[in-house]
Amino acid sequence: LASHRSEAGDGMNFKIGVFQAAAAHFLEPPEGVSKEGWVSPVARDSCACKNKWAAIRKKHKIILDIKAQSGFSWDNEFGAGIDSTSEAVWAAYVRRHPDAAPFRNKGWPHFDEVNALL
């Protein structure tokens, strides 16, 4: 997707052709692996690639919101880093933003890459 960034526009909404190319890319063996006898571990179509991109964008937005909150920190390995001193504030935040719950003490190692793309 990074090589097609200019095609996405300001909202990073790619056209279906980009997702079709991404799906085709997943069918190719990794560099250095022979095509002979290689079977893609997961068959993906353009719809699956588009849905995955939507999920990635949603996750990115959730993390940006966590990072913008006063009282929370963010670490790509440990997430919001909630401890006993911030537990009550986190619980109130998660009641308003339930999708943030998985990031209590678990980060997302792809944040920096996706953030650069978006």
PDB file of N, CA and C in Angstrom:
ATOM      1  N   LEU A   1       0.820  -1.199   0.000  1.00  0.00           N
ATOM      2  CA  LEU A   1       0.000   0.000   0.000  1.00  0.00           C
ATOM      3  C   LEU A   1       0.860   1.259   0.000  1.00  0.00           C
ATOM      4  N   ALA A   2       2.012   1.161   0.621  1.00  0.00           N
ATOM      5  CA  ALA A   2       2.883   2.330   0.681  1.00  0.00           C
ATOM      6  C   ALA A   2       3.263   2.812  -0.711  1.00  0.00           C
ATOM      7  N   SER A   3       3.461   1.892  -1.639  1.00  0.00           N
ATOM      8  CA  SER A   3       3.852   2.303  -2.988  1.00  0.00           C
ATOM      9  C   SER A   3       2.685   2.885  -3.784  1.00  0.00           C
ATOM     10  N   HIS A   4       1.471   2.745  -3.267  1.00  0.00           N
ATOM     11  CA  HIS A   4       0.280   3.295  -3.933  1.00  0.00           C
ATOM     12  C   HIS A   4      -0.335   4.445  -3.136  1.00  0.00           C
ATOM     13  N   ARG A   5       0.416   4.968  -2.184  1.00  0.00           N
ATOM     14  CA  ARG A   5      -0.097   6.013  -1.286  1.00  0.00           C
ATOM     15  C   ARG A   5      -0.691   7.202  -2.029  1.00  0.00           C
ATOM     16  N   SER A   6      -0.054   7.623  -3.105  1.00  0.00           N
ATOM     17  CA  SER A   6      -0.522   8.806  -3.840  1.00  0.00           C
ATOM     18  C   SER A   6      -1.891   8.576  -4.479  1.00  0.00           C
ATOM     19  N   GLU A   7      -2.262   7.341  -4.686  1.00  0.00           N
ATOM     20  CA  GLU A   7      -3.555   7.034  -5.292  1.00  0.00           C
ATOM     21  C   GLU A   7      -4.706   7.104  -4.284  1.00  0.00           C
ATOM     22  N   ALA A   8      -4.396   7.160  -3.016  1.00  0.00           N
ATOM     23  CA  ALA A   8      -5.417   7.078  -1.980  1.00  0.00           C
ATOM     24  C   ALA A   8      -6.081   8.416  -1.666  1.00  0.00           C
ATOM     25  N   GLY A   9      -5.427   9.505  -1.933  1.00  0.00           N
ATOM     26  CA  GLY A   9      -5.995  10.800  -1.591  1.00  0.00           C
ATOM     27  C   GLY A   9      -5.841  11.115  -0.119  1.00  0.00           C
ATOM     28  N   ASP A  10      -6.478  12.187   0.309  1.00  0.00           N
ATOM     29  CA  ASP A  10      -6.332  12.655   1.687  1.00  0.00           C
ATOM     30  C   ASP A  10      -6.910  11.690   2.717  1.00  0.00           C
ATOM     31  N   GLY A  11      -7.979  10.995   2.373  1.00  0.00           N
ATOM     32  CA  GLY A  11      -8.614  10.086   3.327  1.00  0.00           C
ATOM     33  C   GLY A  11      -8.010   8.701   3.367  1.00  0.00           C
ATOM     34  N   MET A  12      -6.962   8.462   2.551  1.00  0.00           N
ATOM     35  CA  MET A  12      -6.318   7.154   2.445  1.00  0.00           C
ATOM     36  C   MET A  12      -7.329   6.064   2.095  1.00  0.00           C
ATOM     37  N   ASN A  13      -8.259   6.414   1.209  1.00  0.00           N
ATOM     38  CA  ASN A  13      -9.234   5.462   0.697  1.00  0.00           C
ATOM     39  C   ASN A  13      -8.767   5.000  -0.678  1.00  0.00           C
ATOM     40  N   PHE A  14      -8.233   3.803  -0.721  1.00  0.00           N
ATOM     41  CA  PHE A  14      -7.716   3.263  -1.970  1.00  0.00           C
ATOM     42  C   PHE A  14      -8.850   2.782  -2.862  1.00  0.00           C
ATOM     43  N   LYS A  15      -8.617   2.818  -4.160  1.00  0.00           N
ATOM     44  CA  LYS A  15      -9.578   2.269  -5.113  1.00  0.00           C
ATOM     45  C   LYS A  15      -9.434   0.751  -5.121  1.00  0.00           C
ATOM     46  N   ILE A  16     -10.461   0.080  -5.618  1.00  0.00           N
ATOM     47  CA  ILE A  16     -10.505  -1.379  -5.584  1.00  0.00           C
ATOM     48  C   ILE A  16      -9.315  -2.012  -6.314  1.00  0.00           C
ATOM     49  N   GLY A  17      -8.803  -1.357  -7.354  1.00  0.00           N
ATOM     50  CA  GLY A  17      -7.661  -1.898  -8.081  1.00  0.00           C
ATOM     51  C   GLY A  17      -6.432  -2.079  -7.206  1.00  0.00           C
ATOM     52  N   VAL A  18      -6.251  -1.203  -6.246  1.00  0.00           N
ATOM     53  CA  VAL A  18      -5.112  -1.312  -5.328  1.00  0.00           C
ATOM     54  C   VAL A  18      -5.287  -2.551  -4.447  1.00  0.00           C
ATOM     55  N   PHE A  19      -6.501  -2.795  -3.989  1.00  0.00           N
ATOM     56  CA  PHE A  19      -6.750  -3.970  -3.158  1.00  0.00           C
ATOM     57  C   PHE A  19      -6.653  -5.254  -3.980  1.00  0.00           C
ATOM     58  N   GLN A  20      -7.016  -5.188  -5.243  1.00  0.00           N
ATOM     59  CA  GLN A  20      -6.847  -6.349  -6.117  1.00  0.00           C
ATOM     60  C   GLN A  20      -5.366  -6.667  -6.293  1.00  0.00           C
ATOM     61  N   ALA A  21      -4.555  -5.633  -6.447  1.00  0.00           N
ATOM     62  CA  ALA A  21      -3.107  -5.831  -6.570  1.00  0.00           C
ATOM     63  C   ALA A  21      -2.522  -6.377  -5.265  1.00  0.00           C
ATOM     64  N   ALA A  22      -3.026  -5.899  -4.145  1.00  0.00           N
ATOM     65  CA  ALA A  22      -2.554  -6.399  -2.850  1.00  0.00           C
ATOM     66  C   ALA A  22      -2.898  -7.874  -2.696  1.00  0.00           C
ATOM     67  N   ALA A  23      -4.113  -8.259  -3.079  1.00  0.00           N
ATOM     68  CA  ALA A  23      -4.517  -9.661  -2.988  1.00  0.00           C
ATOM     69  C   ALA A  23      -3.638 -10.527  -3.881  1.00  0.00           C
ATOM     70  N   ALA A  24      -3.333 -10.046  -5.069  1.00  0.00           N
ATOM     71  CA  ALA A  24      -2.466 -10.791  -5.989  1.00  0.00           C
ATOM     72  C   ALA A  24      -1.055 -10.922  -5.409  1.00  0.00           C
ATOM     73  N   HIS A  25      -0.606  -9.874  -4.734  1.00  0.00           N
ATOM     74  CA  HIS A  25       0.728  -9.891  -4.119  1.00  0.00           C
ATOM     75  C   HIS A  25       0.830 -11.009  -3.077  1.00  0.00           C
ATOM     76  N   PHE A  26      -0.238 -11.238  -2.313  1.00  0.00           N
ATOM     77  CA  PHE A  26      -0.228 -12.279  -1.285  1.00  0.00           C
ATOM     78  C   PHE A  26      -0.163 -13.679  -1.882  1.00  0.00           C
ATOM     79  N   LEU A  27      -0.497 -13.812  -3.145  1.00  0.00           N
ATOM     80  CA  LEU A  27      -0.438 -15.119  -3.804  1.00  0.00           C
ATOM     81  C   LEU A  27       0.966 -15.462  -4.282  1.00  0.00           C
ATOM     82  N   GLU A  28       1.833 -14.470  -4.327  1.00  0.00           N
ATOM     83  CA  GLU A  28       3.217 -14.676  -4.772  1.00  0.00           C
ATOM     84  C   GLU A  28       4.062 -15.184  -3.600  1.00  0.00           C
ATOM     85  N   PRO A  29       5.015 -16.064  -3.884  1.00  0.00           N
ATOM     86  CA  PRO A  29       5.894 -16.528  -2.803  1.00  0.00           C
ATOM     87  C   PRO A  29       6.811 -15.403  -2.339  1.00  0.00           C
ATOM     88  N   PRO A  30       7.238 -15.454  -1.093  1.00  0.00           N
ATOM     89  CA  PRO A  30       8.173 -14.447  -0.591  1.00  0.00           C
ATOM     90  C   PRO A  30       9.477 -14.486  -1.386  1.00  0.00           C
ATOM     91  N   GLU A  31      10.192 -13.396  -1.370  1.00  0.00           N
ATOM     92  CA  GLU A  31      11.466 -13.310  -2.089  1.00  0.00           C
ATOM     93  C   GLU A  31      12.401 -14.422  -1.622  1.00  0.00           C
ATOM     94  N   GLY A  32      12.998 -15.091  -2.574  1.00  0.00           N
ATOM     95  CA  GLY A  32      13.922 -16.167  -2.249  1.00  0.00           C
ATOM     96  C   GLY A  32      13.272 -17.544  -2.170  1.00  0.00           C
ATOM     97  N   VAL A  33      11.933 -17.606  -2.299  1.00  0.00           N
ATOM     98  CA  VAL A  33      11.224 -18.883  -2.248  1.00  0.00           C
ATOM     99  C   VAL A  33      10.758 -19.224  -3.658  1.00  0.00           C
ATOM    100  N   SER A  34      10.995 -20.441  -4.055  1.00  0.00           N
ATOM    101  CA  SER A  34      10.621 -20.884  -5.399  1.00  0.00           C
ATOM    102  C   SER A  34       9.107 -20.979  -5.545  1.00  0.00           C
ATOM    103  N   LYS A  35       8.605 -20.580  -6.717  1.00  0.00           N
ATOM    104  CA  LYS A  35       7.167 -20.694  -6.994  1.00  0.00           C
ATOM    105  C   LYS A  35       6.726 -22.149  -7.057  1.00  0.00           C
ATOM    106  N   GLU A  36       7.655 -22.999  -7.443  1.00  0.00           N
ATOM    107  CA  GLU A  36       7.338 -24.413  -7.587  1.00  0.00           C
ATOM    108  C   GLU A  36       7.042 -25.030  -6.216  1.00  0.00           C
ATOM    109  N   GLY A  37       5.848 -25.536  -6.067  1.00  0.00           N
ATOM    110  CA  GLY A  37       5.465 -26.188  -4.827  1.00  0.00           C
ATOM    111  C   GLY A  37       5.021 -25.237  -3.724  1.00  0.00           C
ATOM    112  N   TRP A  38       5.119 -23.917  -3.950  1.00  0.00           N
ATOM    113  CA  TRP A  38       4.728 -22.965  -2.912  1.00  0.00           C
ATOM    114  C   TRP A  38       3.221 -22.759  -2.943  1.00  0.00           C
ATOM    115  N   VAL A  39       2.605 -22.819  -1.773  1.00  0.00           N
ATOM    116  CA  VAL A  39       1.171 -22.580  -1.654  1.00  0.00           C
ATOM    117  C   VAL A  39       0.984 -21.430  -0.672  1.00  0.00           C
ATOM    118  N   SER A  40       0.207 -20.440  -1.098  1.00  0.00           N
ATOM    119  CA  SER A  40      -0.071 -19.290  -0.231  1.00  0.00           C
ATOM    120  C   SER A  40      -0.749 -19.785   1.044  1.00  0.00           C
ATOM    121  N   PRO A  41      -0.275 -19.357   2.230  1.00  0.00           N
ATOM    122  CA  PRO A  41      -0.869 -19.841   3.478  1.00  0.00           C
ATOM    123  C   PRO A  41      -2.315 -19.400   3.665  1.00  0.00           C
ATOM    124  N   VAL A  42      -2.668 -18.250   3.114  1.00  0.00           N
ATOM    125  CA  VAL A  42      -4.033 -17.743   3.234  1.00  0.00           C
ATOM    126  C   VAL A  42      -4.425 -17.105   1.912  1.00  0.00           C
ATOM    127  N   ALA A  43      -5.526 -17.547   1.371  1.00  0.00           N
ATOM    128  CA  ALA A  43      -6.019 -16.936   0.134  1.00  0.00           C
ATOM    129  C   ALA A  43      -6.822 -15.690   0.504  1.00  0.00           C
ATOM    130  N   ARG A  44      -6.442 -14.560  -0.065  1.00  0.00           N
ATOM    131  CA  ARG A  44      -7.153 -13.308   0.204  1.00  0.00           C
ATOM    132  C   ARG A  44      -7.660 -12.746  -1.111  1.00  0.00           C
ATOM    133  N   ASP A  45      -8.821 -12.124  -1.047  1.00  0.00           N
ATOM    134  CA  ASP A  45      -9.318 -11.428  -2.225  1.00  0.00           C
ATOM    135  C   ASP A  45      -9.302  -9.935  -1.935  1.00  0.00           C
ATOM    136  N   SER A  46      -9.696  -9.143  -2.919  1.00  0.00           N
ATOM    137  CA  SER A  46      -9.641  -7.687  -2.748  1.00  0.00           C
ATOM    138  C   SER A  46     -10.537  -7.226  -1.609  1.00  0.00           C
ATOM    139  N   CYS A  47     -11.666  -7.892  -1.408  1.00  0.00           N
ATOM    140  CA  CYS A  47     -12.579  -7.514  -0.318  1.00  0.00           C
ATOM    141  C   CYS A  47     -11.908  -7.738   1.046  1.00  0.00           C
ATOM    142  N   ALA A  48     -11.223  -8.863   1.183  1.00  0.00           N
ATOM    143  CA  ALA A  48     -10.528  -9.147   2.439  1.00  0.00           C
ATOM    144  C   ALA A  48      -9.432  -8.112   2.694  1.00  0.00           C
ATOM    145  N   CYS A  49      -8.707  -7.731   1.645  1.00  0.00           N
ATOM    146  CA  CYS A  49      -7.651  -6.717   1.792  1.00  0.00           C
ATOM    147  C   CYS A  49      -8.245  -5.365   2.170  1.00  0.00           C
ATOM    148  N   LYS A  50      -9.367  -5.016   1.563  1.00  0.00           N
ATOM    149  CA  LYS A  50     -10.032  -3.744   1.875  1.00  0.00           C
ATOM    150  C   LYS A  50     -10.512  -3.744   3.328  1.00  0.00           C
ATOM    151  N   ASN A  51     -11.089  -4.861   3.777  1.00  0.00           N
ATOM    152  CA  ASN A  51     -11.566  -4.958   5.162  1.00  0.00           C
ATOM    153  C   ASN A  51     -10.405  -4.897   6.147  1.00  0.00           C
ATOM    154  N   LYS A  52      -9.296  -5.527   5.809  1.00  0.00           N
ATOM    155  CA  LYS A  52      -8.125  -5.488   6.680  1.00  0.00           C
ATOM    156  C   LYS A  52      -7.597  -4.062   6.791  1.00  0.00           C
ATOM    157  N   TRP A  53      -7.582  -3.338   5.669  1.00  0.00           N
ATOM    158  CA  TRP A  53      -7.131  -1.952   5.683  1.00  0.00           C
ATOM    159  C   TRP A  53      -8.051  -1.098   6.559  1.00  0.00           C
ATOM    160  N   ALA A  54      -9.354  -1.342   6.480  1.00  0.00           N
ATOM    161  CA  ALA A  54     -10.304  -0.603   7.322  1.00  0.00           C
ATOM    162  C   ALA A  54     -10.037  -0.887   8.802  1.00  0.00           C
ATOM    163  N   ALA A  55      -9.757  -2.152   9.133  1.00  0.00           N
ATOM    164  CA  ALA A  55      -9.461  -2.506  10.526  1.00  0.00           C
ATOM    165  C   ALA A  55      -8.168  -1.862  11.003  1.00  0.00           C
ATOM    166  N   ILE A  56      -7.173  -1.807  10.129  1.00  0.00           N
ATOM    167  CA  ILE A  56      -5.894  -1.166  10.474  1.00  0.00           C
ATOM    168  C   ILE A  56      -6.095   0.322  10.728  1.00  0.00           C
ATOM    169  N   ARG A  57      -6.870   0.975   9.878  1.00  0.00           N
ATOM    170  CA  ARG A  57      -7.138   2.414  10.063  1.00  0.00           C
ATOM    171  C   ARG A  57      -7.890   2.664  11.361  1.00  0.00           C
ATOM    172  N   LYS A  58      -8.842   1.780  11.681  1.00  0.00           N
ATOM    173  CA  LYS A  58      -9.609   1.925  12.929  1.00  0.00           C
ATOM    174  C   LYS A  58      -8.679   1.782  14.139  1.00  0.00           C
ATOM    175  N   LYS A  59      -7.811   0.778  14.108  1.00  0.00           N
ATOM    176  CA  LYS A  59      -6.870   0.555  15.204  1.00  0.00           C
ATOM    177  C   LYS A  59      -5.949   1.768  15.362  1.00  0.00           C
ATOM    178  N   HIS A  60      -5.492   2.315  14.257  1.00  0.00           N
ATOM    179  CA  HIS A  60      -4.627   3.493  14.281  1.00  0.00           C
ATOM    180  C   HIS A  60      -5.348   4.669  14.938  1.00  0.00           C
ATOM    181  N   LYS A  61      -6.601   4.867  14.578  1.00  0.00           N
ATOM    182  CA  LYS A  61      -7.384   5.974  15.146  1.00  0.00           C
ATOM    183  C   LYS A  61      -7.576   5.804  16.654  1.00  0.00           C
ATOM    184  N   ILE A  62      -7.837   4.578  17.090  1.00  0.00           N
ATOM    185  CA  ILE A  62      -7.996   4.303  18.523  1.00  0.00           C
ATOM    186  C   ILE A  62      -6.722   4.670  19.272  1.00  0.00           C
ATOM    187  N   ILE A  63      -5.584   4.271  18.721  1.00  0.00           N
ATOM    188  CA  ILE A  63      -4.302   4.549  19.383  1.00  0.00           C
ATOM    189  C   ILE A  63      -3.999   6.041  19.392  1.00  0.00           C
ATOM    190  N   LEU A  64      -4.306   6.729  18.300  1.00  0.00           N
ATOM    191  CA  LEU A  64      -4.108   8.186  18.290  1.00  0.00           C
ATOM    192  C   LEU A  64      -4.918   8.844  19.394  1.00  0.00           C
ATOM    193  N   ASP A  65      -6.132   8.364  19.603  1.00  0.00           N
ATOM    194  CA  ASP A  65      -6.974   8.933  20.655  1.00  0.00           C
ATOM    195  C   ASP A  65      -6.387   8.642  22.041  1.00  0.00           C
ATOM    196  N   ILE A  66      -5.884   7.438  22.244  1.00  0.00           N
ATOM    197  CA  ILE A  66      -5.244   7.106  23.526  1.00  0.00           C
ATOM    198  C   ILE A  66      -4.049   8.031  23.762  1.00  0.00           C
ATOM    199  N   LYS A  67      -3.234   8.216  22.728  1.00  0.00           N
ATOM    200  CA  LYS A  67      -2.047   9.060  22.855  1.00  0.00           C
ATOM    201  C   LYS A  67      -2.404  10.514  23.159  1.00  0.00           C
ATOM    202  N   ALA A  68      -3.586  10.939  22.736  1.00  0.00           N
ATOM    203  CA  ALA A  68      -4.004  12.330  22.943  1.00  0.00           C
ATOM    204  C   ALA A  68      -4.571  12.579  24.343  1.00  0.00           C
ATOM    205  N   GLN A  69      -4.816  11.516  25.085  1.00  0.00           N
ATOM    206  CA  GLN A  69      -5.417  11.660  26.408  1.00  0.00           C
ATOM    207  C   GLN A  69      -4.381  12.056  27.451  1.00  0.00           C
ATOM    208  N   SER A  70      -4.767  12.944  28.310  1.00  0.00           N
ATOM    209  CA  SER A  70      -3.916  13.319  29.427  1.00  0.00           C
ATOM    210  C   SER A  70      -3.937  12.178  30.446  1.00  0.00           C
ATOM    211  N   GLY A  71      -2.792  11.811  30.947  1.00  0.00           N
ATOM    212  CA  GLY A  71      -2.714  10.764  31.959  1.00  0.00           C
ATOM    213  C   GLY A  71      -2.335   9.397  31.413  1.00  0.00           C
ATOM    214  N   PHE A  72      -2.359   9.238  30.113  1.00  0.00           N
ATOM    215  CA  PHE A  72      -1.943   7.975  29.516  1.00  0.00           C
ATOM    216  C   PHE A  72      -0.642   8.204  28.748  1.00  0.00           C
ATOM    217  N   SER A  73       0.122   7.159  28.661  1.00  0.00           N
ATOM    218  CA  SER A  73       1.292   7.199  27.798  1.00  0.00           C
ATOM    219  C   SER A  73       1.054   6.137  26.736  1.00  0.00           C
ATOM    220  N   TRP A  74       1.894   6.071  25.745  1.00  0.00           N
ATOM    221  CA  TRP A  74       1.761   5.025  24.743  1.00  0.00           C
ATOM    222  C   TRP A  74       3.119   4.424  24.456  1.00  0.00           C
ATOM    223  N   ASP A  75       3.138   3.122  24.376  1.00  0.00           N
ATOM    224  CA  ASP A  75       4.331   2.387  24.010  1.00  0.00           C
ATOM    225  C   ASP A  75       3.892   1.304  23.026  1.00  0.00           C
ATOM    226  N   ASN A  76       4.608   1.160  21.917  1.00  0.00           N
ATOM    227  CA  ASN A  76       4.201   0.189  20.899  1.00  0.00           C
ATOM    228  C   ASN A  76       4.254  -1.251  21.396  1.00  0.00           C
ATOM    229  N   GLU A  77       4.965  -1.491  22.478  1.00  0.00           N
ATOM    230  CA  GLU A  77       5.021  -2.842  23.039  1.00  0.00           C
ATOM    231  C   GLU A  77       4.032  -3.015  24.190  1.00  0.00           C
ATOM    232  N   PHE A  78       3.911  -2.006  25.047  1.00  0.00           N
ATOM    233  CA  PHE A  78       3.112  -2.142  26.260  1.00  0.00           C
ATOM    234  C   PHE A  78       1.811  -1.337  26.253  1.00  0.00           C
ATOM    235  N   GLY A  79       1.450  -0.744  25.148  1.00  0.00           N
ATOM    236  CA  GLY A  79       0.184  -0.025  25.042  1.00  0.00           C
ATOM    237  C   GLY A  79       0.133   1.201  25.926  1.00  0.00           C
ATOM    238  N   ALA A  80      -1.020   1.378  26.575  1.00  0.00           N
ATOM    239  CA  ALA A  80      -1.234   2.569  27.396  1.00  0.00           C
ATOM    240  C   ALA A  80      -0.494   2.495  28.722  1.00  0.00           C
ATOM    241  N   GLY A  81       0.039   1.343  29.069  1.00  0.00           N
ATOM    242  CA  GLY A  81       0.837   1.220  30.288  1.00  0.00           C
ATOM    243  C   GLY A  81       0.056   1.530  31.550  1.00  0.00           C
ATOM    244  N   ILE A  82      -1.126   0.960  31.662  1.00  0.00           N
ATOM    245  CA  ILE A  82      -1.992   1.246  32.810  1.00  0.00           C
ATOM    246  C   ILE A  82      -1.501   0.482  34.031  1.00  0.00           C
ATOM    247  N   ASP A  83      -1.361   1.206  35.129  1.00  0.00           N
ATOM    248  CA  ASP A  83      -0.990   0.581  36.399  1.00  0.00           C
ATOM    249  C   ASP A  83      -2.036   0.962  37.440  1.00  0.00           C
ATOM    250  N   SER A  84      -1.788   0.648  38.679  1.00  0.00           N
ATOM    251  CA  SER A  84      -2.777   0.890  39.736  1.00  0.00           C
ATOM    252  C   SER A  84      -3.114   2.372  39.897  1.00  0.00           C
ATOM    253  N   THR A  85      -2.186   3.259  39.573  1.00  0.00           N
ATOM    254  CA  THR A  85      -2.451   4.689  39.734  1.00  0.00           C
ATOM    255  C   THR A  85      -3.348   5.251  38.632  1.00  0.00           C
ATOM    256  N   SER A  86      -3.390   4.583  37.486  1.00  0.00           N
ATOM    257  CA  SER A  86      -4.209   5.087  36.375  1.00  0.00           C
ATOM    258  C   SER A  86      -5.392   4.183  36.044  1.00  0.00           C
ATOM    259  N   GLU A  87      -5.608   3.144  36.847  1.00  0.00           N
ATOM    260  CA  GLU A  87      -6.666   2.171  36.578  1.00  0.00           C
ATOM    261  C   GLU A  87      -8.053   2.799  36.541  1.00  0.00           C
ATOM    262  N   ALA A  88      -8.381   3.674  37.482  1.00  0.00           N
ATOM    263  CA  ALA A  88      -9.719   4.270  37.524  1.00  0.00           C
ATOM    264  C   ALA A  88      -9.978   5.155  36.305  1.00  0.00           C
ATOM    265  N   VAL A  89      -8.978   5.926  35.916  1.00  0.00           N
ATOM    266  CA  VAL A  89      -9.119   6.791  34.745  1.00  0.00           C
ATOM    267  C   VAL A  89      -9.266   5.940  33.478  1.00  0.00           C
ATOM    268  N   TRP A  90      -8.493   4.866  33.399  1.00  0.00           N
ATOM    269  CA  TRP A  90      -8.585   3.968  32.246  1.00  0.00           C
ATOM    270  C   TRP A  90      -9.969   3.309  32.173  1.00  0.00           C
ATOM    271  N   ALA A  91     -10.486   2.864  33.311  1.00  0.00           N
ATOM    272  CA  ALA A  91     -11.805   2.220  33.337  1.00  0.00           C
ATOM    273  C   ALA A  91     -12.881   3.183  32.827  1.00  0.00           C
ATOM    274  N   ALA A  92     -12.805   4.437  33.237  1.00  0.00           N
ATOM    275  CA  ALA A  92     -13.777   5.435  32.764  1.00  0.00           C
ATOM    276  C   ALA A  92     -13.605   5.675  31.268  1.00  0.00           C
ATOM    277  N   TYR A  93     -12.378   5.714  30.806  1.00  0.00           N
ATOM    278  CA  TYR A  93     -12.103   5.929  29.383  1.00  0.00           C
ATOM    279  C   TYR A  93     -12.652   4.767  28.550  1.00  0.00           C
ATOM    280  N   VAL A  94     -12.411   3.547  28.995  1.00  0.00           N
ATOM    281  CA  VAL A  94     -12.852   2.360  28.254  1.00  0.00           C
ATOM    282  C   VAL A  94     -14.379   2.254  28.245  1.00  0.00           C
ATOM    283  N   ARG A  95     -15.047   2.752  29.269  1.00  0.00           N
ATOM    284  CA  ARG A  95     -16.527   2.769  29.238  1.00  0.00           C
ATOM    285  C   ARG A  95     -17.019   3.632  28.078  1.00  0.00           C
ATOM    286  N   ARG A  96     -16.318   4.722  27.794  1.00  0.00           N
ATOM    287  CA  ARG A  96     -16.692   5.614  26.686  1.00  0.00           C
ATOM    288  C   ARG A  96     -16.128   5.143  25.349  1.00  0.00           C
ATOM    289  N   HIS A  97     -15.002   4.404  25.401  1.00  0.00           N
ATOM    290  CA  HIS A  97     -14.301   3.940  24.192  1.00  0.00           C
ATOM    291  C   HIS A  97     -13.957   2.456  24.337  1.00  0.00           C
ATOM    292  N   PRO A  98     -14.946   1.576  24.250  1.00  0.00           N
ATOM    293  CA  PRO A  98     -14.695   0.149  24.504  1.00  0.00           C
ATOM    294  C   PRO A  98     -13.683  -0.497  23.559  1.00  0.00           C
ATOM    295  N   ASP A  99     -13.519   0.036  22.356  1.00  0.00           N
ATOM    296  CA  ASP A  99     -12.545  -0.536  21.423  1.00  0.00           C
ATOM    297  C   ASP A  99     -11.107  -0.327  21.878  1.00  0.00           C
ATOM    298  N   ALA A 100     -10.899   0.535  22.862  1.00  0.00           N
ATOM    299  CA  ALA A 100      -9.553   0.793  23.362  1.00  0.00           C
ATOM    300  C   ALA A 100      -9.105  -0.252  24.388  1.00  0.00           C
ATOM    301  N   ALA A 101     -10.019  -1.033  24.899  1.00  0.00           N
ATOM    302  CA  ALA A 101      -9.718  -1.992  25.972  1.00  0.00           C
ATOM    303  C   ALA A 101      -8.519  -2.895  25.690  1.00  0.00           C
ATOM    304  N   PRO A 102      -8.358  -3.438  24.486  1.00  0.00           N
ATOM    305  CA  PRO A 102      -7.215  -4.341  24.263  1.00  0.00           C
ATOM    306  C   PRO A 102      -5.846  -3.676  24.426  1.00  0.00           C
ATOM    307  N   PHE A 103      -5.813  -2.353  24.425  1.00  0.00           N
ATOM    308  CA  PHE A 103      -4.532  -1.650  24.468  1.00  0.00           C
ATOM    309  C   PHE A 103      -4.135  -1.216  25.876  1.00  0.00           C
ATOM    310  N   ARG A 104      -4.793  -1.769  26.882  1.00  0.00           N
ATOM    311  CA  ARG A 104      -4.494  -1.426  28.271  1.00  0.00           C
ATOM    312  C   ARG A 104      -3.006  -1.597  28.559  1.00  0.00           C
ATOM    313  N   ASN A 105      -2.497  -2.777  28.308  1.00  0.00           N
ATOM    314  CA  ASN A 105      -1.077  -3.064  28.528  1.00  0.00           C
ATOM    315  C   ASN A 105      -0.485  -3.857  27.374  1.00  0.00           C
ATOM    316  N   LYS A 106      -1.097  -3.722  26.210  1.00  0.00           N
ATOM    317  CA  LYS A 106      -0.600  -4.404  25.019  1.00  0.00           C
ATOM    318  C   LYS A 106      -0.550  -3.393  23.891  1.00  0.00           C
ATOM    319  N   GLY A 107       0.594  -3.237  23.305  1.00  0.00           N
ATOM    320  CA  GLY A 107       0.766  -2.264  22.239  1.00  0.00           C
ATOM    321  C   GLY A 107       0.420  -2.817  20.871  1.00  0.00           C
ATOM    322  N   TRP A 108       0.854  -2.105  19.870  1.00  0.00           N
ATOM    323  CA  TRP A 108       0.664  -2.503  18.478  1.00  0.00           C
ATOM    324  C   TRP A 108       1.969  -2.191  17.765  1.00  0.00           C
ATOM    325  N   PRO A 109       2.759  -3.211  17.444  1.00  0.00           N
ATOM    326  CA  PRO A 109       4.095  -2.966  16.898  1.00  0.00           C
ATOM    327  C   PRO A 109       4.105  -2.300  15.524  1.00  0.00           C
ATOM    328  N   HIS A 110       2.977  -2.248  14.855  1.00  0.00           N
ATOM    329  CA  HIS A 110       2.917  -1.662  13.516  1.00  0.00           C
ATOM    330  C   HIS A 110       2.518  -0.182  13.526  1.00  0.00           C
ATOM    331  N   PHE A 111       2.333   0.389  14.711  1.00  0.00           N
ATOM    332  CA  PHE A 111       1.828   1.764  14.781  1.00  0.00           C
ATOM    333  C   PHE A 111       2.692   2.746  13.999  1.00  0.00           C
ATOM    334  N   ASP A 112       3.991   2.726  14.200  1.00  0.00           N
ATOM    335  CA  ASP A 112       4.854   3.711  13.554  1.00  0.00           C
ATOM    336  C   ASP A 112       4.812   3.595  12.029  1.00  0.00           C
ATOM    337  N   GLU A 113       4.799   2.363  11.535  1.00  0.00           N
ATOM    338  CA  GLU A 113       4.730   2.157  10.070  1.00  0.00           C
ATOM    339  C   GLU A 113       3.418   2.684   9.499  1.00  0.00           C
ATOM    340  N   VAL A 114       2.320   2.355  10.169  1.00  0.00           N
ATOM    341  CA  VAL A 114       1.012   2.804   9.697  1.00  0.00           C
ATOM    342  C   VAL A 114       0.873   4.306   9.859  1.00  0.00           C
ATOM    343  N   ASN A 115       1.388   4.835  10.949  1.00  0.00           N
ATOM    344  CA  ASN A 115       1.315   6.278  11.170  1.00  0.00           C
ATOM    345  C   ASN A 115       2.056   7.043  10.070  1.00  0.00           C
ATOM    346  N   ALA A 116       3.180   6.513   9.626  1.00  0.00           N
ATOM    347  CA  ALA A 116       3.938   7.154   8.539  1.00  0.00           C
ATOM    348  C   ALA A 116       3.152   7.091   7.244  1.00  0.00           C
ATOM    349  N   LEU A 117       2.405   6.019   7.046  1.00  0.00           N
ATOM    350  CA  LEU A 117       1.611   5.868   5.839  1.00  0.00           C
ATOM    351  C   LEU A 117       0.399   6.789   5.828  1.00  0.00           C
ATOM    352  N   LEU A 118      -0.219   6.924   6.995  1.00  0.00           N
ATOM    353  CA  LEU A 118      -1.405   7.765   7.096  1.00  0.00           C
ATOM    354  C   LEU A 118      -1.030   9.215   7.310  1.00  0.00           C
TER     355      LEU A 118
END
